[in-house]
Amino acid sequence: MIGERSPNYSGADNEFKHDQVVIAETSIDNMNPEFFGFVMDRLFEEGALDVVWIPIQMKKNRPGTMLQVICTRERLNSITRCILTETTSLGVRYYEANRHLLERDHVTLDSPSAEFRSSVSATPGRGALCSRIRGLPAHRSRKRRSSQDRIRRRFKGGVCARHRGK
């Protein structure tokens, strides 16, 4: 049958971890994009694994945005509730999807100015975790550190650095 694998298939599936997720999505054409960040934060609080905003063309050639959320089946109802209460959407589509994952672990990296959390992942085809760092340190670590640095730079001795000497 089309779309089904032979029971003795030994392709790429054996090389990666895999699991099932649910993709919930909706198309939005009448919402102020300034609220997208707030909605994204709320979706992550509700258990979203990933959230993306995709520019689209809607009927009558109107610009719009597709909101796509990856979550577990257990979190689908809370994600749907969040989308329907925090956006102007009138409905949510959802479907299950399989995904491949690299094996990974979280580590703390030391730098001259701070510690950052990052992910260490397996290299496809080699199996075990390797010492290669994929990507940048975790966004939350960078954001927290830059915020702390900004506060330290701006306020020294209780006076804003920009206004010192005036």
N, C-alpha and C. Protein backbone atom coordinates (compact mmCIF):
# COMPACT_ATOMS: atom_id res chain seq x y z
N MET A 1 0.84 -1.18 0.00
CA MET A 1 0.00 0.00 0.00
C MET A 1 0.89 1.24 0.00
N ILE A 2 0.47 2.28 -0.69
CA ILE A 2 1.24 3.52 -0.76
C ILE A 2 1.31 4.15 0.63
N GLY A 3 2.53 4.61 1.01
CA GLY A 3 2.71 5.28 2.29
C GLY A 3 3.04 4.36 3.44
N GLU A 4 3.04 3.05 3.22
CA GLU A 4 3.41 2.11 4.28
C GLU A 4 4.75 1.50 3.97
N ARG A 5 5.53 1.22 5.00
CA ARG A 5 6.84 0.64 4.83
C ARG A 5 6.78 -0.87 4.96
N SER A 6 7.67 -1.51 4.29
CA SER A 6 7.84 -2.95 4.42
C SER A 6 8.29 -3.26 5.85
N PRO A 7 7.83 -4.36 6.46
CA PRO A 7 8.25 -4.70 7.82
C PRO A 7 9.76 -4.89 7.96
N ASN A 8 10.45 -5.24 6.89
CA ASN A 8 11.90 -5.42 6.96
C ASN A 8 12.67 -4.21 6.43
N TYR A 9 12.04 -3.02 6.43
CA TYR A 9 12.73 -1.78 6.05
C TYR A 9 13.83 -1.49 7.05
N SER A 10 15.03 -1.18 6.58
CA SER A 10 16.14 -0.89 7.50
C SER A 10 16.83 0.41 7.11
N GLY A 11 16.04 1.42 6.77
CA GLY A 11 16.60 2.69 6.33
C GLY A 11 16.95 3.62 7.47
N ALA A 12 16.77 4.92 7.22
CA ALA A 12 17.20 5.97 8.15
C ALA A 12 16.52 5.91 9.50
N ASP A 13 15.36 5.25 9.60
CA ASP A 13 14.65 5.21 10.88
C ASP A 13 15.52 4.63 12.00
N ASN A 14 16.39 3.71 11.69
CA ASN A 14 17.21 3.08 12.71
C ASN A 14 18.33 3.99 13.20
N GLU A 15 18.64 5.03 12.44
CA GLU A 15 19.75 5.91 12.77
C GLU A 15 19.36 6.99 13.78
N PHE A 16 18.07 7.30 13.90
CA PHE A 16 17.62 8.40 14.73
C PHE A 16 16.61 7.93 15.78
N LYS A 17 16.51 8.71 16.85
CA LYS A 17 15.38 8.51 17.76
C LYS A 17 14.15 9.04 17.03
N HIS A 18 12.99 8.55 17.35
CA HIS A 18 11.80 9.09 16.73
C HIS A 18 10.64 9.05 17.72
N ASP A 19 9.68 9.95 17.49
CA ASP A 19 8.48 9.98 18.31
C ASP A 19 7.34 10.58 17.50
N GLN A 20 6.18 10.65 18.11
CA GLN A 20 5.02 11.26 17.47
C GLN A 20 4.64 12.53 18.20
N VAL A 21 4.27 13.54 17.43
CA VAL A 21 3.82 14.81 17.96
C VAL A 21 2.53 15.19 17.26
N VAL A 22 1.88 16.21 17.76
CA VAL A 22 0.69 16.77 17.12
C VAL A 22 1.05 18.16 16.64
N ILE A 23 0.62 18.50 15.44
CA ILE A 23 0.81 19.85 14.90
C ILE A 23 -0.56 20.51 14.88
N ALA A 24 -0.68 21.59 15.62
CA ALA A 24 -1.91 22.39 15.65
C ALA A 24 -1.62 23.67 14.90
N GLU A 25 -2.54 24.08 14.02
CA GLU A 25 -2.28 25.29 13.24
C GLU A 25 -3.57 26.03 12.95
N THR A 26 -3.40 27.32 12.71
CA THR A 26 -4.52 28.17 12.34
C THR A 26 -4.00 29.30 11.47
N SER A 27 -4.86 29.87 10.65
CA SER A 27 -4.51 31.00 9.81
C SER A 27 -5.14 32.26 10.41
N ILE A 28 -4.35 33.31 10.53
CA ILE A 28 -4.80 34.54 11.17
C ILE A 28 -4.59 35.70 10.19
N ASP A 29 -5.65 36.50 9.98
CA ASP A 29 -5.50 37.65 9.08
C ASP A 29 -5.99 38.95 9.69
N ASN A 30 -6.42 38.91 10.94
CA ASN A 30 -6.98 40.13 11.52
C ASN A 30 -6.50 40.36 12.95
N MET A 31 -5.22 40.08 13.19
CA MET A 31 -4.66 40.24 14.52
C MET A 31 -3.41 41.09 14.44
N ASN A 32 -3.26 41.99 15.38
CA ASN A 32 -2.08 42.85 15.44
C ASN A 32 -0.84 41.99 15.72
N PRO A 33 0.16 42.01 14.84
CA PRO A 33 1.36 41.19 15.03
C PRO A 33 2.14 41.55 16.29
N GLU A 34 1.89 42.70 16.89
CA GLU A 34 2.58 43.05 18.13
C GLU A 34 2.22 42.08 19.26
N PHE A 35 1.10 41.36 19.14
CA PHE A 35 0.69 40.42 20.17
C PHE A 35 1.27 39.01 19.96
N PHE A 36 1.93 38.77 18.82
CA PHE A 36 2.44 37.43 18.52
C PHE A 36 3.42 36.94 19.59
N GLY A 37 4.29 37.81 20.06
CA GLY A 37 5.28 37.41 21.07
C GLY A 37 4.61 36.96 22.36
N PHE A 38 3.58 37.69 22.79
CA PHE A 38 2.83 37.32 23.98
C PHE A 38 2.18 35.95 23.80
N VAL A 39 1.55 35.74 22.64
CA VAL A 39 0.89 34.46 22.37
C VAL A 39 1.91 33.33 22.36
N MET A 40 3.07 33.57 21.77
CA MET A 40 4.12 32.55 21.73
C MET A 40 4.54 32.18 23.15
N ASP A 41 4.77 33.16 24.00
CA ASP A 41 5.15 32.88 25.38
C ASP A 41 4.07 32.06 26.09
N ARG A 42 2.81 32.41 25.89
CA ARG A 42 1.70 31.68 26.51
C ARG A 42 1.66 30.23 26.02
N LEU A 43 1.90 30.01 24.71
CA LEU A 43 1.88 28.65 24.17
C LEU A 43 3.00 27.80 24.78
N PHE A 44 4.18 28.38 24.95
CA PHE A 44 5.26 27.64 25.59
C PHE A 44 4.91 27.34 27.05
N GLU A 45 4.26 28.27 27.73
CA GLU A 45 3.81 28.01 29.10
C GLU A 45 2.82 26.85 29.15
N GLU A 46 2.02 26.69 28.10
CA GLU A 46 1.02 25.61 28.04
C GLU A 46 1.60 24.28 27.59
N GLY A 47 2.91 24.26 27.26
CA GLY A 47 3.55 22.99 26.92
C GLY A 47 3.90 22.79 25.47
N ALA A 48 3.86 23.85 24.66
CA ALA A 48 4.26 23.72 23.25
C ALA A 48 5.73 23.31 23.17
N LEU A 49 6.05 22.44 22.23
CA LEU A 49 7.43 22.06 21.98
C LEU A 49 8.10 23.05 21.03
N ASP A 50 7.32 23.61 20.11
CA ASP A 50 7.82 24.62 19.18
C ASP A 50 6.65 25.44 18.68
N VAL A 51 6.90 26.71 18.36
CA VAL A 51 5.89 27.62 17.85
C VAL A 51 6.51 28.41 16.71
N VAL A 52 5.82 28.46 15.56
CA VAL A 52 6.32 29.26 14.44
C VAL A 52 5.19 30.10 13.86
N TRP A 53 5.55 31.26 13.37
CA TRP A 53 4.63 32.17 12.69
C TRP A 53 5.09 32.24 11.24
N ILE A 54 4.23 31.87 10.29
CA ILE A 54 4.60 31.78 8.88
C ILE A 54 3.77 32.77 8.08
N PRO A 55 4.42 33.70 7.34
CA PRO A 55 3.65 34.63 6.50
C PRO A 55 2.98 33.87 5.36
N ILE A 56 1.70 34.15 5.13
CA ILE A 56 0.94 33.48 4.06
C ILE A 56 0.07 34.50 3.33
N GLN A 57 -0.42 34.11 2.17
CA GLN A 57 -1.43 34.88 1.42
C GLN A 57 -2.76 34.17 1.62
N MET A 58 -3.75 34.90 2.04
CA MET A 58 -5.06 34.32 2.30
C MET A 58 -6.01 34.66 1.15
N LYS A 59 -7.28 34.26 1.30
CA LYS A 59 -8.24 34.53 0.22
C LYS A 59 -8.32 36.03 -0.05
N LYS A 60 -8.70 36.35 -1.25
CA LYS A 60 -8.76 37.74 -1.73
C LYS A 60 -7.40 38.41 -1.65
N ASN A 61 -6.33 37.59 -1.66
CA ASN A 61 -4.95 38.04 -1.68
C ASN A 61 -4.56 38.88 -0.47
N ARG A 62 -5.23 38.65 0.65
CA ARG A 62 -4.88 39.38 1.88
C ARG A 62 -3.67 38.73 2.54
N PRO A 63 -2.78 39.56 3.10
CA PRO A 63 -1.67 38.98 3.85
C PRO A 63 -2.19 38.40 5.17
N GLY A 64 -1.61 37.31 5.58
CA GLY A 64 -2.00 36.69 6.84
C GLY A 64 -0.81 35.97 7.45
N THR A 65 -1.05 35.29 8.53
CA THR A 65 -0.01 34.56 9.23
C THR A 65 -0.56 33.21 9.67
N MET A 66 0.21 32.16 9.39
CA MET A 66 -0.17 30.85 9.89
C MET A 66 0.59 30.63 11.20
N LEU A 67 -0.15 30.29 12.23
CA LEU A 67 0.43 29.91 13.51
C LEU A 67 0.49 28.40 13.55
N GLN A 68 1.68 27.87 13.74
CA GLN A 68 1.86 26.41 13.78
C GLN A 68 2.55 26.05 15.09
N VAL A 69 1.93 25.12 15.83
CA VAL A 69 2.42 24.73 17.14
C VAL A 69 2.66 23.22 17.16
N ILE A 70 3.83 22.81 17.60
CA ILE A 70 4.12 21.39 17.78
C ILE A 70 3.97 21.09 19.26
N CYS A 71 3.21 20.04 19.57
CA CYS A 71 2.98 19.67 20.97
C CYS A 71 2.77 18.17 21.06
N THR A 72 2.68 17.68 22.29
CA THR A 72 2.33 16.28 22.51
C THR A 72 0.81 16.14 22.46
N ARG A 73 0.33 14.94 22.24
CA ARG A 73 -1.11 14.69 22.22
C ARG A 73 -1.76 15.11 23.55
N GLU A 74 -1.05 14.90 24.65
CA GLU A 74 -1.58 15.24 25.97
C GLU A 74 -1.78 16.75 26.14
N ARG A 75 -1.03 17.56 25.45
CA ARG A 75 -1.11 19.02 25.61
C ARG A 75 -2.01 19.67 24.55
N LEU A 76 -2.58 18.89 23.63
CA LEU A 76 -3.35 19.46 22.52
C LEU A 76 -4.53 20.31 23.00
N ASN A 77 -5.31 19.84 23.98
CA ASN A 77 -6.47 20.62 24.42
C ASN A 77 -6.06 21.96 25.03
N SER A 78 -5.00 21.97 25.84
CA SER A 78 -4.58 23.25 26.43
C SER A 78 -3.99 24.18 25.37
N ILE A 79 -3.31 23.63 24.37
CA ILE A 79 -2.77 24.45 23.28
C ILE A 79 -3.92 25.03 22.46
N THR A 80 -4.92 24.21 22.14
CA THR A 80 -6.07 24.68 21.38
C THR A 80 -6.81 25.77 22.14
N ARG A 81 -7.03 25.56 23.43
CA ARG A 81 -7.70 26.56 24.26
C ARG A 81 -6.92 27.88 24.24
N CYS A 82 -5.62 27.80 24.35
CA CYS A 82 -4.78 29.00 24.33
C CYS A 82 -4.90 29.73 22.99
N ILE A 83 -4.83 28.99 21.89
CA ILE A 83 -4.94 29.61 20.56
C ILE A 83 -6.30 30.31 20.41
N LEU A 84 -7.37 29.64 20.83
CA LEU A 84 -8.71 30.20 20.64
C LEU A 84 -9.02 31.35 21.59
N THR A 85 -8.34 31.43 22.73
CA THR A 85 -8.61 32.53 23.66
C THR A 85 -7.63 33.69 23.51
N GLU A 86 -6.42 33.43 23.03
CA GLU A 86 -5.40 34.47 22.95
C GLU A 86 -5.21 35.05 21.55
N THR A 87 -5.87 34.48 20.54
CA THR A 87 -5.77 35.01 19.18
C THR A 87 -7.17 35.32 18.66
N THR A 88 -7.24 35.83 17.44
CA THR A 88 -8.54 36.11 16.80
C THR A 88 -9.03 34.91 16.00
N SER A 89 -8.36 33.77 16.12
CA SER A 89 -8.72 32.57 15.37
C SER A 89 -10.08 32.03 15.78
N LEU A 90 -10.80 31.47 14.80
CA LEU A 90 -12.10 30.85 15.05
C LEU A 90 -12.04 29.33 15.03
N GLY A 91 -10.87 28.77 14.70
CA GLY A 91 -10.75 27.32 14.64
C GLY A 91 -9.29 26.89 14.57
N VAL A 92 -9.03 25.64 14.89
CA VAL A 92 -7.68 25.10 14.90
C VAL A 92 -7.68 23.75 14.19
N ARG A 93 -6.78 23.58 13.23
CA ARG A 93 -6.58 22.28 12.58
C ARG A 93 -5.49 21.55 13.35
N TYR A 94 -5.56 20.23 13.39
CA TYR A 94 -4.47 19.48 14.02
C TYR A 94 -4.33 18.13 13.35
N TYR A 95 -3.11 17.62 13.37
CA TYR A 95 -2.82 16.32 12.80
C TYR A 95 -1.56 15.77 13.46
N GLU A 96 -1.44 14.45 13.46
CA GLU A 96 -0.27 13.80 14.05
C GLU A 96 0.84 13.75 13.02
N ALA A 97 2.06 13.80 13.51
CA ALA A 97 3.23 13.72 12.64
C ALA A 97 4.31 12.90 13.36
N ASN A 98 5.08 12.17 12.58
CA ASN A 98 6.25 11.48 13.11
C ASN A 98 7.44 12.41 12.95
N ARG A 99 8.41 12.30 13.84
CA ARG A 99 9.61 13.12 13.68
C ARG A 99 10.83 12.33 14.10
N HIS A 100 11.96 12.64 13.48
CA HIS A 100 13.26 12.07 13.82
C HIS A 100 13.98 13.08 14.71
N LEU A 101 14.71 12.57 15.69
CA LEU A 101 15.43 13.42 16.63
C LEU A 101 16.86 12.94 16.77
N LEU A 102 17.78 13.88 16.95
CA LEU A 102 19.13 13.51 17.34
C LEU A 102 19.16 13.31 18.84
N GLU A 103 19.93 12.34 19.30
CA GLU A 103 20.13 12.17 20.73
C GLU A 103 20.87 13.41 21.22
N ARG A 104 20.46 13.94 22.39
CA ARG A 104 21.12 15.14 22.88
C ARG A 104 21.10 15.18 24.40
N ASP A 105 21.96 16.05 24.90
CA ASP A 105 22.05 16.27 26.33
C ASP A 105 22.32 17.76 26.53
N HIS A 106 21.96 18.28 27.70
CA HIS A 106 22.19 19.69 27.99
C HIS A 106 23.42 19.82 28.88
N VAL A 107 24.26 20.79 28.54
CA VAL A 107 25.50 21.02 29.29
C VAL A 107 25.61 22.50 29.62
N THR A 108 26.49 22.81 30.56
CA THR A 108 26.78 24.20 30.89
C THR A 108 28.17 24.52 30.36
N LEU A 109 28.26 25.60 29.59
CA LEU A 109 29.53 26.02 29.00
C LEU A 109 30.08 27.20 29.78
N ASP A 110 31.37 27.19 30.05
CA ASP A 110 32.02 28.30 30.73
C ASP A 110 32.63 29.22 29.69
N SER A 111 32.42 30.52 29.85
CA SER A 111 33.08 31.50 28.99
C SER A 111 33.73 32.50 29.93
N PRO A 112 34.60 33.38 29.42
CA PRO A 112 35.26 34.35 30.29
C PRO A 112 34.27 35.23 31.07
N SER A 113 33.09 35.48 30.50
CA SER A 113 32.17 36.40 31.17
C SER A 113 30.99 35.73 31.84
N ALA A 114 30.69 34.48 31.50
CA ALA A 114 29.49 33.86 32.08
C ALA A 114 29.43 32.37 31.77
N GLU A 115 28.44 31.71 32.37
CA GLU A 115 28.11 30.33 32.05
C GLU A 115 26.85 30.34 31.20
N PHE A 116 26.80 29.46 30.20
CA PHE A 116 25.65 29.34 29.33
C PHE A 116 25.25 27.88 29.22
N ARG A 117 23.92 27.65 29.11
CA ARG A 117 23.44 26.30 28.84
C ARG A 117 23.38 26.10 27.33
N SER A 118 23.72 24.90 26.88
CA SER A 118 23.66 24.57 25.47
C SER A 118 23.34 23.08 25.33
N SER A 119 23.19 22.63 24.10
CA SER A 119 22.91 21.23 23.83
C SER A 119 24.10 20.57 23.16
N VAL A 120 24.38 19.35 23.56
CA VAL A 120 25.37 18.51 22.90
C VAL A 120 24.56 17.41 22.23
N SER A 121 24.84 17.15 20.95
CA SER A 121 24.04 16.15 20.25
C SER A 121 24.91 15.11 19.58
N ALA A 122 24.26 14.01 19.28
CA ALA A 122 24.94 12.93 18.57
C ALA A 122 25.14 13.31 17.12
N THR A 123 26.20 12.82 16.54
CA THR A 123 26.43 13.03 15.12
C THR A 123 25.76 11.88 14.37
N PRO A 124 24.88 12.17 13.41
CA PRO A 124 24.21 11.09 12.68
C PRO A 124 25.22 10.09 12.11
N GLY A 125 24.93 8.82 12.30
CA GLY A 125 25.78 7.77 11.77
C GLY A 125 26.86 7.31 12.73
N ARG A 126 27.10 8.07 13.83
CA ARG A 126 28.14 7.68 14.78
C ARG A 126 27.56 7.12 16.07
N GLY A 127 26.29 7.42 16.34
CA GLY A 127 25.62 6.81 17.48
C GLY A 127 25.79 7.51 18.80
N ALA A 128 26.96 7.50 19.40
CA ALA A 128 27.13 8.04 20.75
C ALA A 128 27.17 9.57 20.74
N LEU A 129 26.90 10.14 21.91
CA LEU A 129 27.00 11.60 22.02
C LEU A 129 28.42 12.02 21.72
N CYS A 130 28.56 13.04 20.91
CA CYS A 130 29.89 13.55 20.61
C CYS A 130 30.07 14.86 21.37
N SER A 131 31.25 15.39 21.37
CA SER A 131 31.52 16.60 22.14
C SER A 131 31.26 17.86 21.31
N ARG A 132 30.67 17.72 20.15
CA ARG A 132 30.42 18.86 19.29
C ARG A 132 29.18 19.62 19.76
N ILE A 133 29.30 20.92 19.91
CA ILE A 133 28.18 21.75 20.30
C ILE A 133 27.46 22.19 19.04
N ARG A 134 26.16 21.93 18.97
CA ARG A 134 25.36 22.31 17.80
C ARG A 134 24.65 23.60 18.13
N GLY A 135 24.89 24.65 17.36
CA GLY A 135 24.18 25.91 17.54
C GLY A 135 24.78 26.76 18.65
N LEU A 136 24.06 27.79 18.99
CA LEU A 136 24.48 28.75 20.01
C LEU A 136 24.05 28.28 21.38
N PRO A 137 24.61 28.90 22.42
CA PRO A 137 24.07 28.61 23.75
C PRO A 137 22.57 28.88 23.77
N ALA A 138 21.86 28.21 24.64
CA ALA A 138 20.41 28.31 24.71
C ALA A 138 19.95 29.76 24.78
N HIS A 139 18.88 30.07 24.08
CA HIS A 139 18.38 31.44 23.98
C HIS A 139 18.11 32.04 25.36
N ARG A 140 17.49 31.27 26.26
CA ARG A 140 17.17 31.80 27.58
C ARG A 140 18.44 32.20 28.33
N SER A 141 19.51 31.41 28.18
CA SER A 141 20.77 31.74 28.84
C SER A 141 21.34 33.03 28.28
N ARG A 142 21.33 33.16 26.94
CA ARG A 142 21.86 34.38 26.32
C ARG A 142 21.03 35.58 26.71
N LYS A 143 19.70 35.43 26.71
CA LYS A 143 18.80 36.53 27.04
C LYS A 143 19.01 36.98 28.49
N ARG A 144 19.08 36.01 29.40
CA ARG A 144 19.28 36.33 30.82
C ARG A 144 20.61 37.03 31.02
N ARG A 145 21.66 36.52 30.36
CA ARG A 145 23.00 37.11 30.52
C ARG A 145 23.06 38.51 29.93
N SER A 146 22.50 38.72 28.74
CA SER A 146 22.56 40.05 28.12
C SER A 146 21.75 41.04 28.95
N SER A 147 20.66 40.59 29.54
CA SER A 147 19.86 41.46 30.39
C SER A 147 20.66 41.87 31.62
N GLN A 148 21.36 40.91 32.24
CA GLN A 148 22.17 41.22 33.41
C GLN A 148 23.30 42.18 33.05
N ASP A 149 23.96 41.94 31.90
CA ASP A 149 25.04 42.83 31.46
C ASP A 149 24.53 44.23 31.21
N ARG A 150 23.36 44.36 30.58
CA ARG A 150 22.78 45.66 30.28
C ARG A 150 22.52 46.43 31.58
N ILE A 151 21.99 45.74 32.57
CA ILE A 151 21.72 46.39 33.85
C ILE A 151 23.03 46.83 34.49
N ARG A 152 24.05 45.98 34.44
CA ARG A 152 25.35 46.34 35.03
C ARG A 152 25.98 47.52 34.31
N ARG A 153 25.87 47.56 32.98
CA ARG A 153 26.47 48.65 32.20
C ARG A 153 25.75 49.96 32.47
N ARG A 154 24.44 49.91 32.59
CA ARG A 154 23.67 51.14 32.72
C ARG A 154 23.73 51.73 34.12
N PHE A 155 23.77 50.89 35.14
CA PHE A 155 23.69 51.40 36.50
C PHE A 155 24.95 51.04 37.28
N LYS A 156 25.80 52.02 37.43
CA LYS A 156 27.02 51.83 38.22
C LYS A 156 26.99 52.88 39.31
N GLY A 157 27.02 52.44 40.54
CA GLY A 157 26.98 53.36 41.66
C GLY A 157 25.63 54.05 41.80
N GLY A 158 24.55 53.42 41.28
CA GLY A 158 23.21 53.97 41.42
C GLY A 158 22.89 55.06 40.42
N VAL A 159 23.82 55.40 39.53
CA VAL A 159 23.57 56.44 38.54
C VAL A 159 23.66 55.80 37.16
N CYS A 160 22.72 56.12 36.32
CA CYS A 160 22.73 55.59 34.96
C CYS A 160 24.00 56.03 34.26
N ALA A 161 24.73 55.09 33.64
CA ALA A 161 25.99 55.39 32.99
C ALA A 161 25.85 56.45 31.91
N ARG A 162 24.71 56.49 31.27
CA ARG A 162 24.48 57.46 30.21
C ARG A 162 24.44 58.88 30.76
N HIS A 163 23.98 59.03 32.02
CA HIS A 163 23.84 60.36 32.61
C HIS A 163 24.97 60.73 33.54
N ARG A 164 25.94 59.86 33.72
CA ARG A 164 27.07 60.15 34.57
C ARG A 164 27.87 61.29 33.94
N GLY A 165 28.25 62.23 34.70
CA GLY A 165 29.04 63.36 34.18
C GLY A 165 28.21 64.50 33.68
N LYS A 166 26.89 64.39 33.71
CA LYS A 166 26.05 65.50 33.27
C LYS A 166 25.64 66.33 34.44
